[in-house]
All heavy atoms as atom14 arrays in JSON, in Angstrom:
{
  "sequence": "RFDLREIPESSGIVKSRRYPDVFWVHNDSGNSATLFAVDRRGR",
  "atom14_mask": [
    [1, 1, 1, 1, 1, 1, 1, 1, 1, 1, 1, 0, 0, 0],
    [1, 1, 1, 1, 1, 1, 1, 1, 1, 1, 1, 0, 0, 0],
    [1, 1, 1, 1, 1, 1, 1, 1, 0, 0, 0, 0, 0, 0],
    [1, 1, 1, 1, 1, 1, 1, 1, 0, 0, 0, 0, 0, 0],
    [1, 1, 1, 1, 1, 1, 1, 1, 1, 1, 1, 0, 0, 0],
    [1, 1, 1, 1, 1, 1, 1, 1, 1, 0, 0, 0, 0, 0],
    [1, 1, 1, 1, 1, 1, 1, 1, 0, 0, 0, 0, 0, 0],
    [1, 1, 1, 1, 1, 1, 1, 0, 0, 0, 0, 0, 0, 0],
    [1, 1, 1, 1, 1, 1, 1, 1, 1, 0, 0, 0, 0, 0],
    [1, 1, 1, 1, 1, 1, 0, 0, 0, 0, 0, 0, 0, 0],
    [1, 1, 1, 1, 1, 1, 0, 0, 0, 0, 0, 0, 0, 0],
    [1, 1, 1, 1, 0, 0, 0, 0, 0, 0, 0, 0, 0, 0],
    [1, 1, 1, 1, 1, 1, 1, 1, 0, 0, 0, 0, 0, 0],
    [1, 1, 1, 1, 1, 1, 1, 0, 0, 0, 0, 0, 0, 0],
    [1, 1, 1, 1, 1, 1, 1, 1, 1, 0, 0, 0, 0, 0],
    [1, 1, 1, 1, 1, 1, 0, 0, 0, 0, 0, 0, 0, 0],
    [1, 1, 1, 1, 1, 1, 1, 1, 1, 1, 1, 0, 0, 0],
    [1, 1, 1, 1, 1, 1, 1, 1, 1, 1, 1, 0, 0, 0],
    [1, 1, 1, 1, 1, 1, 1, 1, 1, 1, 1, 1, 0, 0],
    [1, 1, 1, 1, 1, 1, 1, 0, 0, 0, 0, 0, 0, 0],
    [1, 1, 1, 1, 1, 1, 1, 1, 0, 0, 0, 0, 0, 0],
    [1, 1, 1, 1, 1, 1, 1, 0, 0, 0, 0, 0, 0, 0],
    [1, 1, 1, 1, 1, 1, 1, 1, 1, 1, 1, 0, 0, 0],
    [1, 1, 1, 1, 1, 1, 1, 1, 1, 1, 1, 1, 1, 1],
    [1, 1, 1, 1, 1, 1, 1, 0, 0, 0, 0, 0, 0, 0],
    [1, 1, 1, 1, 1, 1, 1, 1, 1, 1, 0, 0, 0, 0],
    [1, 1, 1, 1, 1, 1, 1, 1, 0, 0, 0, 0, 0, 0],
    [1, 1, 1, 1, 1, 1, 1, 1, 0, 0, 0, 0, 0, 0],
    [1, 1, 1, 1, 1, 1, 0, 0, 0, 0, 0, 0, 0, 0],
    [1, 1, 1, 1, 0, 0, 0, 0, 0, 0, 0, 0, 0, 0],
    [1, 1, 1, 1, 1, 1, 1, 1, 0, 0, 0, 0, 0, 0],
    [1, 1, 1, 1, 1, 1, 0, 0, 0, 0, 0, 0, 0, 0],
    [1, 1, 1, 1, 1, 0, 0, 0, 0, 0, 0, 0, 0, 0],
    [1, 1, 1, 1, 1, 1, 1, 0, 0, 0, 0, 0, 0, 0],
    [1, 1, 1, 1, 1, 1, 1, 1, 0, 0, 0, 0, 0, 0],
    [1, 1, 1, 1, 1, 1, 1, 1, 1, 1, 1, 0, 0, 0],
    [1, 1, 1, 1, 1, 0, 0, 0, 0, 0, 0, 0, 0, 0],
    [1, 1, 1, 1, 1, 1, 1, 0, 0, 0, 0, 0, 0, 0],
    [1, 1, 1, 1, 1, 1, 1, 1, 0, 0, 0, 0, 0, 0],
    [1, 1, 1, 1, 1, 1, 1, 1, 1, 1, 1, 0, 0, 0],
    [1, 1, 1, 1, 1, 1, 1, 1, 1, 1, 1, 0, 0, 0],
    [1, 1, 1, 1, 0, 0, 0, 0, 0, 0, 0, 0, 0, 0],
    [1, 1, 1, 1, 1, 1, 1, 1, 1, 1, 1, 0, 0, 0]
  ],
  "atom14_positions": [
    [[5.94, 25.83, 43.52], [5.27, 24.79, 44.25], [4.07, 24.44, 43.35], [3.51, 25.27, 42.66], [4.62, 25.5, 45.62], [5.72, 25.77, 46.57], [6.52, 24.64, 47.07], [5.84, 23.59, 47.75], [5.59, 23.61, 49.11], [6.21, 24.41, 49.89], [4.9, 22.66, 49.72], [0.0, 0.0, 0.0], [0.0, 0.0, 0.0], [0.0, 0.0, 0.0]],
    [[3.64, 23.13, 43.49], [2.47, 22.75, 42.75], [1.25, 23.12, 43.45], [1.33, 23.34, 44.66], [2.51, 21.16, 42.69], [3.52, 20.69, 41.67], [4.34, 19.61, 42.12], [3.66, 21.03, 40.38], [5.25, 19.15, 41.18], [4.58, 20.74, 39.52], [5.4, 19.63, 39.87], [0.0, 0.0, 0.0], [0.0, 0.0, 0.0], [0.0, 0.0, 0.0]],
    [[0.22, 23.21, 42.7], [-1.16, 23.15, 43.37], [-1.42, 21.82, 43.9], [-1.77, 20.89, 43.08], [-2.22, 23.68, 42.33], [-3.69, 23.65, 42.81], [-3.86, 23.15, 43.99], [-4.61, 24.2, 42.14], [0.0, 0.0, 0.0], [0.0, 0.0, 0.0], [0.0, 0.0, 0.0], [0.0, 0.0, 0.0], [0.0, 0.0, 0.0], [0.0, 0.0, 0.0]],
    [[-1.37, 21.6, 45.19], [-1.4, 20.33, 45.75], [-2.74, 19.77, 45.59], [-2.92, 18.41, 45.81], [-0.99, 20.24, 47.22], [0.56, 20.64, 47.4], [0.86, 20.6, 48.91], [1.57, 19.83, 46.58], [0.0, 0.0, 0.0], [0.0, 0.0, 0.0], [0.0, 0.0, 0.0], [0.0, 0.0, 0.0], [0.0, 0.0, 0.0], [0.0, 0.0, 0.0]],
    [[-3.72, 20.45, 45.32], [-5.09, 19.81, 45.02], [-5.11, 19.06, 43.64], [-5.84, 18.18, 43.53], [-6.23, 20.97, 44.92], [-6.45, 21.73, 46.25], [-7.19, 23.08, 46.0], [-6.52, 23.92, 45.12], [-7.0, 25.07, 44.8], [-8.2, 25.51, 45.25], [-6.33, 25.8, 44.0], [0.0, 0.0, 0.0], [0.0, 0.0, 0.0], [0.0, 0.0, 0.0]],
    [[-4.21, 19.56, 42.89], [-4.13, 18.87, 41.52], [-3.01, 17.85, 41.47], [-3.03, 16.78, 40.87], [-4.02, 19.94, 40.33], [-5.04, 20.84, 40.18], [-6.26, 20.2, 39.36], [-6.18, 19.11, 38.99], [-7.04, 20.99, 38.92], [0.0, 0.0, 0.0], [0.0, 0.0, 0.0], [0.0, 0.0, 0.0], [0.0, 0.0, 0.0], [0.0, 0.0, 0.0]],
    [[-1.89, 18.2, 42.0], [-0.66, 17.43, 41.86], [-0.16, 17.11, 43.24], [0.81, 17.86, 43.69], [0.42, 18.08, 41.01], [-0.24, 18.6, 39.63], [1.57, 17.15, 40.73], [0.8, 19.26, 38.74], [0.0, 0.0, 0.0], [0.0, 0.0, 0.0], [0.0, 0.0, 0.0], [0.0, 0.0, 0.0], [0.0, 0.0, 0.0], [0.0, 0.0, 0.0]],
    [[-0.76, 16.26, 44.11], [-0.3, 16.16, 45.41], [0.96, 15.18, 45.55], [1.59, 15.17, 46.51], [-1.54, 15.51, 46.14], [-2.13, 14.95, 44.98], [-2.08, 15.63, 43.81], [0.0, 0.0, 0.0], [0.0, 0.0, 0.0], [0.0, 0.0, 0.0], [0.0, 0.0, 0.0], [0.0, 0.0, 0.0], [0.0, 0.0, 0.0], [0.0, 0.0, 0.0]],
    [[0.99, 14.23, 44.58], [2.08, 13.15, 44.62], [2.8, 13.03, 43.24], [2.73, 12.07, 42.67], [1.42, 11.87, 44.97], [0.76, 11.89, 46.4], [0.16, 10.5, 46.79], [-0.94, 10.13, 46.26], [0.95, 9.72, 47.5], [0.0, 0.0, 0.0], [0.0, 0.0, 0.0], [0.0, 0.0, 0.0], [0.0, 0.0, 0.0], [0.0, 0.0, 0.0]],
    [[3.43, 14.17, 42.91], [4.21, 14.11, 41.7], [5.2, 13.0, 41.72], [5.98, 12.73, 42.65], [4.84, 15.43, 41.38], [5.63, 15.82, 42.58], [0.0, 0.0, 0.0], [0.0, 0.0, 0.0], [0.0, 0.0, 0.0], [0.0, 0.0, 0.0], [0.0, 0.0, 0.0], [0.0, 0.0, 0.0], [0.0, 0.0, 0.0], [0.0, 0.0, 0.0]],
    [[5.19, 12.16, 40.62], [6.0, 10.98, 40.65], [6.96, 10.81, 39.42], [7.83, 10.1, 39.43], [5.06, 9.84, 40.53], [5.81, 8.54, 40.77], [0.0, 0.0, 0.0], [0.0, 0.0, 0.0], [0.0, 0.0, 0.0], [0.0, 0.0, 0.0], [0.0, 0.0, 0.0], [0.0, 0.0, 0.0], [0.0, 0.0, 0.0], [0.0, 0.0, 0.0]],
    [[6.7, 11.75, 38.33], [7.62, 11.54, 37.16], [7.55, 12.97, 36.55], [6.51, 13.75, 36.56], [0.0, 0.0, 0.0], [0.0, 0.0, 0.0], [0.0, 0.0, 0.0], [0.0, 0.0, 0.0], [0.0, 0.0, 0.0], [0.0, 0.0, 0.0], [0.0, 0.0, 0.0], [0.0, 0.0, 0.0], [0.0, 0.0, 0.0], [0.0, 0.0, 0.0]],
    [[8.75, 13.27, 35.71], [8.66, 14.53, 35.0], [9.5, 14.31, 33.8], [10.54, 13.5, 33.85], [9.15, 15.63, 35.91], [9.15, 16.99, 35.03], [10.57, 15.42, 36.41], [9.55, 18.26, 35.89], [0.0, 0.0, 0.0], [0.0, 0.0, 0.0], [0.0, 0.0, 0.0], [0.0, 0.0, 0.0], [0.0, 0.0, 0.0], [0.0, 0.0, 0.0]],
    [[9.17, 14.98, 32.7], [10.15, 14.9, 31.53], [9.81, 16.28, 30.73], [8.7, 16.84, 30.84], [9.74, 13.73, 30.67], [8.54, 13.88, 29.85], [11.0, 13.54, 29.6], [0.0, 0.0, 0.0], [0.0, 0.0, 0.0], [0.0, 0.0, 0.0], [0.0, 0.0, 0.0], [0.0, 0.0, 0.0], [0.0, 0.0, 0.0], [0.0, 0.0, 0.0]],
    [[10.84, 16.77, 30.08], [10.65, 18.08, 29.42], [10.23, 17.8, 27.92], [10.7, 16.77, 27.23], [12.07, 18.75, 29.24], [11.77, 20.25, 28.65], [13.1, 21.06, 28.65], [12.82, 22.45, 28.12], [14.08, 23.15, 27.96], [0.0, 0.0, 0.0], [0.0, 0.0, 0.0], [0.0, 0.0, 0.0], [0.0, 0.0, 0.0], [0.0, 0.0, 0.0]],
    [[9.24, 18.57, 27.42], [8.96, 18.41, 26.05], [9.96, 18.69, 25.06], [10.82, 19.68, 25.51], [7.66, 19.29, 25.72], [7.33, 19.4, 24.4], [0.0, 0.0, 0.0], [0.0, 0.0, 0.0], [0.0, 0.0, 0.0], [0.0, 0.0, 0.0], [0.0, 0.0, 0.0], [0.0, 0.0, 0.0], [0.0, 0.0, 0.0], [0.0, 0.0, 0.0]],
    [[10.13, 18.11, 23.97], [11.06, 18.47, 23.02], [10.45, 19.13, 21.77], [11.13, 19.55, 20.8], [11.86, 17.15, 22.46], [12.63, 16.49, 23.58], [13.31, 15.25, 22.98], [14.0, 14.56, 24.19], [14.65, 13.4, 24.06], [14.61, 12.82, 22.86], [15.21, 12.82, 25.15], [0.0, 0.0, 0.0], [0.0, 0.0, 0.0], [0.0, 0.0, 0.0]],
    [[9.19, 19.36, 21.78], [8.46, 20.09, 20.78], [7.9, 21.3, 21.22], [7.88, 22.31, 20.36], [7.28, 19.08, 20.46], [6.31, 19.75, 19.36], [5.23, 18.84, 19.01], [5.82, 17.64, 18.24], [5.04, 16.68, 17.85], [3.78, 16.52, 17.98], [5.62, 15.64, 17.05], [0.0, 0.0, 0.0], [0.0, 0.0, 0.0], [0.0, 0.0, 0.0]],
    [[7.54, 21.53, 22.47], [6.82, 22.72, 22.96], [7.8, 23.45, 23.99], [8.13, 22.71, 24.95], [5.47, 22.4, 23.63], [4.56, 21.69, 22.73], [4.32, 20.4, 22.76], [3.91, 22.38, 21.63], [3.39, 19.77, 21.92], [3.21, 21.85, 20.78], [2.88, 20.52, 20.89], [2.03, 19.91, 20.07], [0.0, 0.0, 0.0], [0.0, 0.0, 0.0]],
    [[8.32, 24.68, 23.69], [9.29, 25.2, 24.59], [8.78, 25.48, 25.91], [7.64, 25.83, 26.18], [9.59, 26.53, 23.84], [9.17, 26.38, 22.44], [7.95, 25.46, 22.55], [0.0, 0.0, 0.0], [0.0, 0.0, 0.0], [0.0, 0.0, 0.0], [0.0, 0.0, 0.0], [0.0, 0.0, 0.0], [0.0, 0.0, 0.0], [0.0, 0.0, 0.0]],
    [[9.65, 25.24, 26.92], [9.43, 25.55, 28.38], [8.19, 24.86, 28.91], [7.49, 25.24, 29.92], [9.24, 27.01, 28.64], [10.46, 27.81, 28.04], [11.66, 27.33, 28.22], [10.34, 28.91, 27.52], [0.0, 0.0, 0.0], [0.0, 0.0, 0.0], [0.0, 0.0, 0.0], [0.0, 0.0, 0.0], [0.0, 0.0, 0.0], [0.0, 0.0, 0.0]],
    [[7.86, 23.66, 28.37], [6.82, 22.77, 28.91], [7.39, 21.39, 29.37], [8.31, 20.76, 28.82], [5.81, 22.55, 27.75], [4.76, 21.36, 28.14], [5.14, 23.64, 27.27], [0.0, 0.0, 0.0], [0.0, 0.0, 0.0], [0.0, 0.0, 0.0], [0.0, 0.0, 0.0], [0.0, 0.0, 0.0], [0.0, 0.0, 0.0], [0.0, 0.0, 0.0]],
    [[6.86, 21.16, 30.64], [7.12, 19.87, 31.22], [5.93, 19.09, 31.39], [4.89, 19.54, 31.69], [7.96, 20.1, 32.55], [9.18, 20.84, 32.47], [9.25, 22.2, 32.36], [10.54, 20.1, 32.46], [10.47, 22.9, 32.21], [11.77, 20.77, 32.31], [11.61, 22.15, 32.25], [0.0, 0.0, 0.0], [0.0, 0.0, 0.0], [0.0, 0.0, 0.0]],
    [[6.13, 17.66, 31.3], [5.03, 16.79, 31.66], [5.14, 16.07, 32.94], [6.26, 15.51, 33.25], [4.87, 15.77, 30.4], [4.49, 16.38, 29.21], [5.3, 16.75, 28.18], [3.29, 16.88, 28.83], [4.71, 17.3, 27.08], [3.3, 17.37, 27.47], [1.97, 16.89, 29.35], [2.33, 17.96, 26.78], [1.01, 17.49, 28.64], [1.1, 17.92, 27.4]],
    [[4.1, 16.06, 33.77], [4.17, 15.62, 35.1], [2.93, 14.76, 35.31], [1.86, 15.03, 34.81], [4.1, 16.88, 36.09], [4.08, 16.3, 37.57], [5.42, 17.64, 36.08], [0.0, 0.0, 0.0], [0.0, 0.0, 0.0], [0.0, 0.0, 0.0], [0.0, 0.0, 0.0], [0.0, 0.0, 0.0], [0.0, 0.0, 0.0], [0.0, 0.0, 0.0]],
    [[3.04, 13.84, 36.23], [1.96, 12.93, 36.53], [1.98, 12.59, 38.01], [2.98, 12.69, 38.74], [1.81, 11.67, 35.78], [3.05, 10.83, 35.86], [3.17, 9.88, 37.04], [4.25, 10.62, 35.08], [4.36, 9.41, 36.81], [4.88, 9.72, 35.79], [0.0, 0.0, 0.0], [0.0, 0.0, 0.0], [0.0, 0.0, 0.0], [0.0, 0.0, 0.0]],
    [[0.95, 12.2, 38.66], [0.85, 11.84, 40.04], [1.15, 10.29, 40.16], [1.05, 9.57, 39.19], [-0.63, 12.11, 40.56], [-0.74, 13.54, 40.95], [0.09, 14.05, 41.64], [-1.81, 14.14, 40.43], [0.0, 0.0, 0.0], [0.0, 0.0, 0.0], [0.0, 0.0, 0.0], [0.0, 0.0, 0.0], [0.0, 0.0, 0.0], [0.0, 0.0, 0.0]],
    [[1.34, 9.89, 41.3], [1.45, 8.43, 41.64], [0.2, 7.71, 41.68], [-0.86, 8.35, 41.49], [2.25, 8.36, 43.02], [2.93, 6.93, 43.15], [2.7, 6.1, 42.42], [3.76, 7.03, 44.12], [0.0, 0.0, 0.0], [0.0, 0.0, 0.0], [0.0, 0.0, 0.0], [0.0, 0.0, 0.0], [0.0, 0.0, 0.0], [0.0, 0.0, 0.0]],
    [[0.2, 6.36, 42.13], [-0.99, 5.65, 42.19], [-1.96, 6.18, 43.06], [-1.57, 6.87, 44.13], [-0.63, 4.11, 42.49], [-0.01, 4.17, 43.7], [0.0, 0.0, 0.0], [0.0, 0.0, 0.0], [0.0, 0.0, 0.0], [0.0, 0.0, 0.0], [0.0, 0.0, 0.0], [0.0, 0.0, 0.0], [0.0, 0.0, 0.0], [0.0, 0.0, 0.0]],
    [[-3.2, 5.91, 43.08], [-4.24, 6.4, 43.97], [-4.79, 7.82, 43.4], [-5.69, 8.35, 44.11], [0.0, 0.0, 0.0], [0.0, 0.0, 0.0], [0.0, 0.0, 0.0], [0.0, 0.0, 0.0], [0.0, 0.0, 0.0], [0.0, 0.0, 0.0], [0.0, 0.0, 0.0], [0.0, 0.0, 0.0], [0.0, 0.0, 0.0], [0.0, 0.0, 0.0]],
    [[-4.26, 8.34, 42.37], [-4.71, 9.56, 41.76], [-5.27, 9.2, 40.4], [-5.1, 8.22, 39.82], [-3.59, 10.47, 41.74], [-3.1, 10.98, 43.08], [-3.64, 11.82, 43.67], [-2.07, 10.28, 43.58], [0.0, 0.0, 0.0], [0.0, 0.0, 0.0], [0.0, 0.0, 0.0], [0.0, 0.0, 0.0], [0.0, 0.0, 0.0], [0.0, 0.0, 0.0]],
    [[-5.85, 10.26, 39.75], [-6.39, 10.15, 38.49], [-5.44, 9.93, 37.42], [-4.18, 10.24, 37.54], [-7.25, 11.33, 38.12], [-6.48, 12.46, 37.96], [0.0, 0.0, 0.0], [0.0, 0.0, 0.0], [0.0, 0.0, 0.0], [0.0, 0.0, 0.0], [0.0, 0.0, 0.0], [0.0, 0.0, 0.0], [0.0, 0.0, 0.0], [0.0, 0.0, 0.0]],
    [[-5.79, 9.28, 36.24], [-4.98, 9.0, 35.13], [-4.86, 10.2, 34.3], [-5.49, 10.47, 33.18], [-5.49, 7.87, 34.31], [0.0, 0.0, 0.0], [0.0, 0.0, 0.0], [0.0, 0.0, 0.0], [0.0, 0.0, 0.0], [0.0, 0.0, 0.0], [0.0, 0.0, 0.0], [0.0, 0.0, 0.0], [0.0, 0.0, 0.0], [0.0, 0.0, 0.0]],
    [[-4.03, 11.22, 34.79], [-4.08, 12.56, 34.13], [-2.54, 12.95, 33.97], [-1.74, 12.71, 34.79], [-4.64, 13.64, 35.09], [-6.01, 13.19, 35.28], [-4.78, 14.99, 34.51], [0.0, 0.0, 0.0], [0.0, 0.0, 0.0], [0.0, 0.0, 0.0], [0.0, 0.0, 0.0], [0.0, 0.0, 0.0], [0.0, 0.0, 0.0], [0.0, 0.0, 0.0]],
    [[-2.31, 13.62, 32.71], [-1.0, 14.25, 32.56], [-1.09, 15.7, 32.56], [-1.96, 16.26, 32.04], [-0.39, 13.86, 31.17], [0.2, 12.48, 30.9], [0.78, 12.4, 29.57], [1.33, 12.26, 31.87], [0.0, 0.0, 0.0], [0.0, 0.0, 0.0], [0.0, 0.0, 0.0], [0.0, 0.0, 0.0], [0.0, 0.0, 0.0], [0.0, 0.0, 0.0]],
    [[-0.15, 16.23, 33.3], [-0.22, 17.76, 33.48], [0.91, 18.44, 32.71], [2.11, 18.03, 32.76], [-0.01, 18.15, 34.94], [-1.11, 17.64, 35.79], [-1.13, 16.43, 36.29], [-2.33, 18.51, 36.11], [-2.23, 15.84, 37.26], [-3.37, 17.99, 36.83], [-3.34, 16.66, 37.44], [0.0, 0.0, 0.0], [0.0, 0.0, 0.0], [0.0, 0.0, 0.0]],
    [[0.65, 19.41, 31.79], [1.69, 20.25, 31.24], [1.87, 21.36, 32.31], [0.95, 22.15, 32.52], [1.15, 20.85, 30.0], [0.0, 0.0, 0.0], [0.0, 0.0, 0.0], [0.0, 0.0, 0.0], [0.0, 0.0, 0.0], [0.0, 0.0, 0.0], [0.0, 0.0, 0.0], [0.0, 0.0, 0.0], [0.0, 0.0, 0.0], [0.0, 0.0, 0.0]],
    [[3.13, 21.51, 32.67], [3.46, 22.61, 33.68], [4.69, 23.39, 33.14], [5.42, 22.97, 32.37], [3.88, 22.0, 35.05], [2.69, 21.23, 35.59], [5.15, 21.19, 35.08], [0.0, 0.0, 0.0], [0.0, 0.0, 0.0], [0.0, 0.0, 0.0], [0.0, 0.0, 0.0], [0.0, 0.0, 0.0], [0.0, 0.0, 0.0], [0.0, 0.0, 0.0]],
    [[4.96, 24.56, 33.72], [6.11, 25.32, 33.58], [7.21, 25.17, 34.52], [6.91, 24.25, 35.45], [5.77, 26.91, 33.27], [5.35, 27.48, 34.59], [5.42, 26.81, 35.64], [4.9, 28.6, 34.5], [0.0, 0.0, 0.0], [0.0, 0.0, 0.0], [0.0, 0.0, 0.0], [0.0, 0.0, 0.0], [0.0, 0.0, 0.0], [0.0, 0.0, 0.0]],
    [[8.31, 25.75, 34.41], [9.43, 25.55, 35.32], [9.09, 25.83, 36.95], [9.71, 25.42, 37.73], [10.61, 26.38, 35.01], [11.44, 25.79, 33.83], [12.67, 26.63, 33.58], [13.32, 26.17, 32.39], [12.93, 26.66, 31.12], [11.84, 27.35, 30.98], [13.5, 26.18, 30.07], [0.0, 0.0, 0.0], [0.0, 0.0, 0.0], [0.0, 0.0, 0.0]],
    [[8.07, 26.62, 37.0], [7.75, 26.97, 38.48], [6.39, 26.15, 38.9], [5.89, 26.35, 39.93], [7.18, 28.44, 38.51], [8.32, 29.45, 38.16], [8.08, 30.85, 38.46], [9.26, 31.66, 38.04], [10.31, 31.89, 38.79], [10.48, 31.17, 40.0], [11.33, 32.62, 38.53], [0.0, 0.0, 0.0], [0.0, 0.0, 0.0], [0.0, 0.0, 0.0]],
    [[6.15, 25.12, 38.04], [5.13, 24.17, 38.62], [3.68, 24.72, 38.3], [2.73, 23.92, 38.66], [0.0, 0.0, 0.0], [0.0, 0.0, 0.0], [0.0, 0.0, 0.0], [0.0, 0.0, 0.0], [0.0, 0.0, 0.0], [0.0, 0.0, 0.0], [0.0, 0.0, 0.0], [0.0, 0.0, 0.0], [0.0, 0.0, 0.0], [0.0, 0.0, 0.0]],
    [[3.58, 25.73, 37.53], [2.24, 26.28, 37.29], [1.59, 25.35, 36.18], [2.3, 25.15, 35.1], [2.25, 27.72, 36.89], [2.76, 28.51, 37.94], [2.93, 30.08, 37.6], [4.02, 30.15, 36.59], [4.54, 31.35, 36.29], [4.26, 32.42, 36.83], [5.55, 31.3, 35.39], [0.0, 0.0, 0.0], [0.0, 0.0, 0.0], [0.0, 0.0, 0.0]]
  ]
}
């Protein structure tokens, strides 16, 4: 599960091809312009 205080409306995800086991996630509109690096468990 995500920390919903930080990622309440996850809208997109892609896996890094450079950094092992890293995924990039962002929120939908109405949230800050922030990219989150997360692992497979959403941490």
